[in-house]
């Protein structure tokens, strides 16, 4: 069975605070979409095999890039897929 990310599909929103300043983080999308110009169009599971995050494919997690609009801190959150 295929799994889907509730964030990518608009069912939920990420609500997280910056560890550095406490400001609300902004979701900047899937980490893999930043790899190159065509990565957003490739198969998600294939991209997970080469994204350098261990076990996101096996654990059905979607890595999202988060950014703080206040201090500029960037982080990655692994979102559990359904």
Protein backbone atom coordinates (compact mmCIF):
# COMPACT_ATOMS: atom_id res chain seq x y z
CA UNK A 1 0.00 0.00 0.00
CA UNK A 2 1.27 3.47 -0.83
CA UNK A 3 1.67 6.02 1.91
CA UNK A 4 0.91 9.73 1.63
CA UNK A 5 2.22 12.72 3.51
CA UNK A 6 -0.58 14.60 5.30
CA UNK A 7 1.36 17.86 4.93
CA UNK A 8 2.09 17.55 1.19
CA UNK A 9 -1.53 16.62 0.55
CA UNK A 10 -2.98 19.50 2.60
CA UNK A 11 -4.66 17.42 5.33
CA UNK A 12 -2.53 18.91 8.12
CA UNK A 13 -0.15 21.80 8.71
CA UNK A 14 3.20 21.77 10.48
CA UNK A 15 3.08 23.65 13.74
CA UNK A 16 6.53 23.97 15.22
CA UNK A 17 8.55 26.62 17.00
CA UNK A 18 12.14 27.60 16.30
CA UNK A 19 14.57 26.12 18.83
CA UNK A 20 16.63 29.29 18.66
CA UNK A 21 14.11 32.14 19.02
CA UNK A 22 10.69 30.50 19.53
CA UNK A 23 9.12 31.99 16.41
CA UNK A 24 6.71 29.83 14.38
CA UNK A 25 8.56 27.92 11.65
CA UNK A 26 7.43 28.04 8.03
CA UNK A 27 7.14 24.86 5.95
CA UNK A 28 9.20 25.26 2.79
CA UNK A 29 8.19 21.89 1.30
CA UNK A 30 9.78 18.50 0.81
CA UNK A 31 13.53 18.36 1.19
CA UNK A 32 13.91 16.40 -2.05
CA UNK A 33 12.32 19.21 -4.08
CA UNK A 34 15.47 21.27 -3.49
CA UNK A 35 17.94 18.74 -4.96
CA UNK A 36 17.75 19.93 -8.58
CA UNK A 37 15.34 21.41 -11.14
CA UNK A 38 13.58 18.11 -11.85
CA UNK A 39 13.55 16.44 -8.43
CA UNK A 40 9.99 17.58 -7.69
CA UNK A 41 8.82 15.49 -10.65
CA UNK A 42 10.57 12.25 -9.70
CA UNK A 43 9.10 9.34 -7.74
CA UNK A 44 9.08 10.17 -4.03
CA UNK A 45 10.27 6.76 -2.85
CA UNK A 46 13.11 6.77 -5.38
CA UNK A 47 14.26 10.16 -4.09
CA UNK A 48 14.17 8.88 -0.51
CA UNK A 49 16.77 6.27 -1.46
CA UNK A 50 19.33 8.99 -2.16
CA UNK A 51 18.43 11.90 0.14
CA UNK A 52 21.01 11.03 2.84
CA UNK A 53 18.35 10.66 5.56
CA UNK A 54 18.48 7.19 7.00
CA UNK A 55 15.30 5.13 7.32
CA UNK A 56 12.78 7.70 6.03
CA UNK A 57 11.70 5.25 3.33
CA UNK A 58 11.45 2.28 5.70
CA UNK A 59 9.71 4.35 8.40
CA UNK A 60 7.29 6.01 5.94
CA UNK A 61 8.40 9.55 6.73
CA UNK A 62 8.42 12.63 4.52
CA UNK A 63 11.29 15.07 5.23
CA UNK A 64 10.15 18.70 5.17
CA UNK A 65 12.37 21.76 5.19
CA UNK A 66 11.42 24.34 7.82
CA UNK A 67 12.66 27.92 8.05
CA UNK A 68 12.37 30.57 10.74
CA UNK A 69 11.27 33.93 9.32
CA UNK A 70 12.72 35.71 12.36
CA UNK A 71 16.28 34.38 12.76
CA UNK A 72 16.75 32.43 9.51
CA UNK A 73 17.39 29.06 11.14
CA UNK A 74 16.66 26.09 8.87
CA UNK A 75 15.75 22.59 9.99
CA UNK A 76 14.29 19.34 8.72
CA UNK A 77 11.23 17.65 10.21
CA UNK A 78 10.33 14.06 9.42
CA UNK A 79 6.55 13.85 9.00
CA UNK A 80 4.88 10.48 9.49
CA UNK A 81 3.04 9.34 6.36
CA UNK A 82 -0.41 7.76 6.47
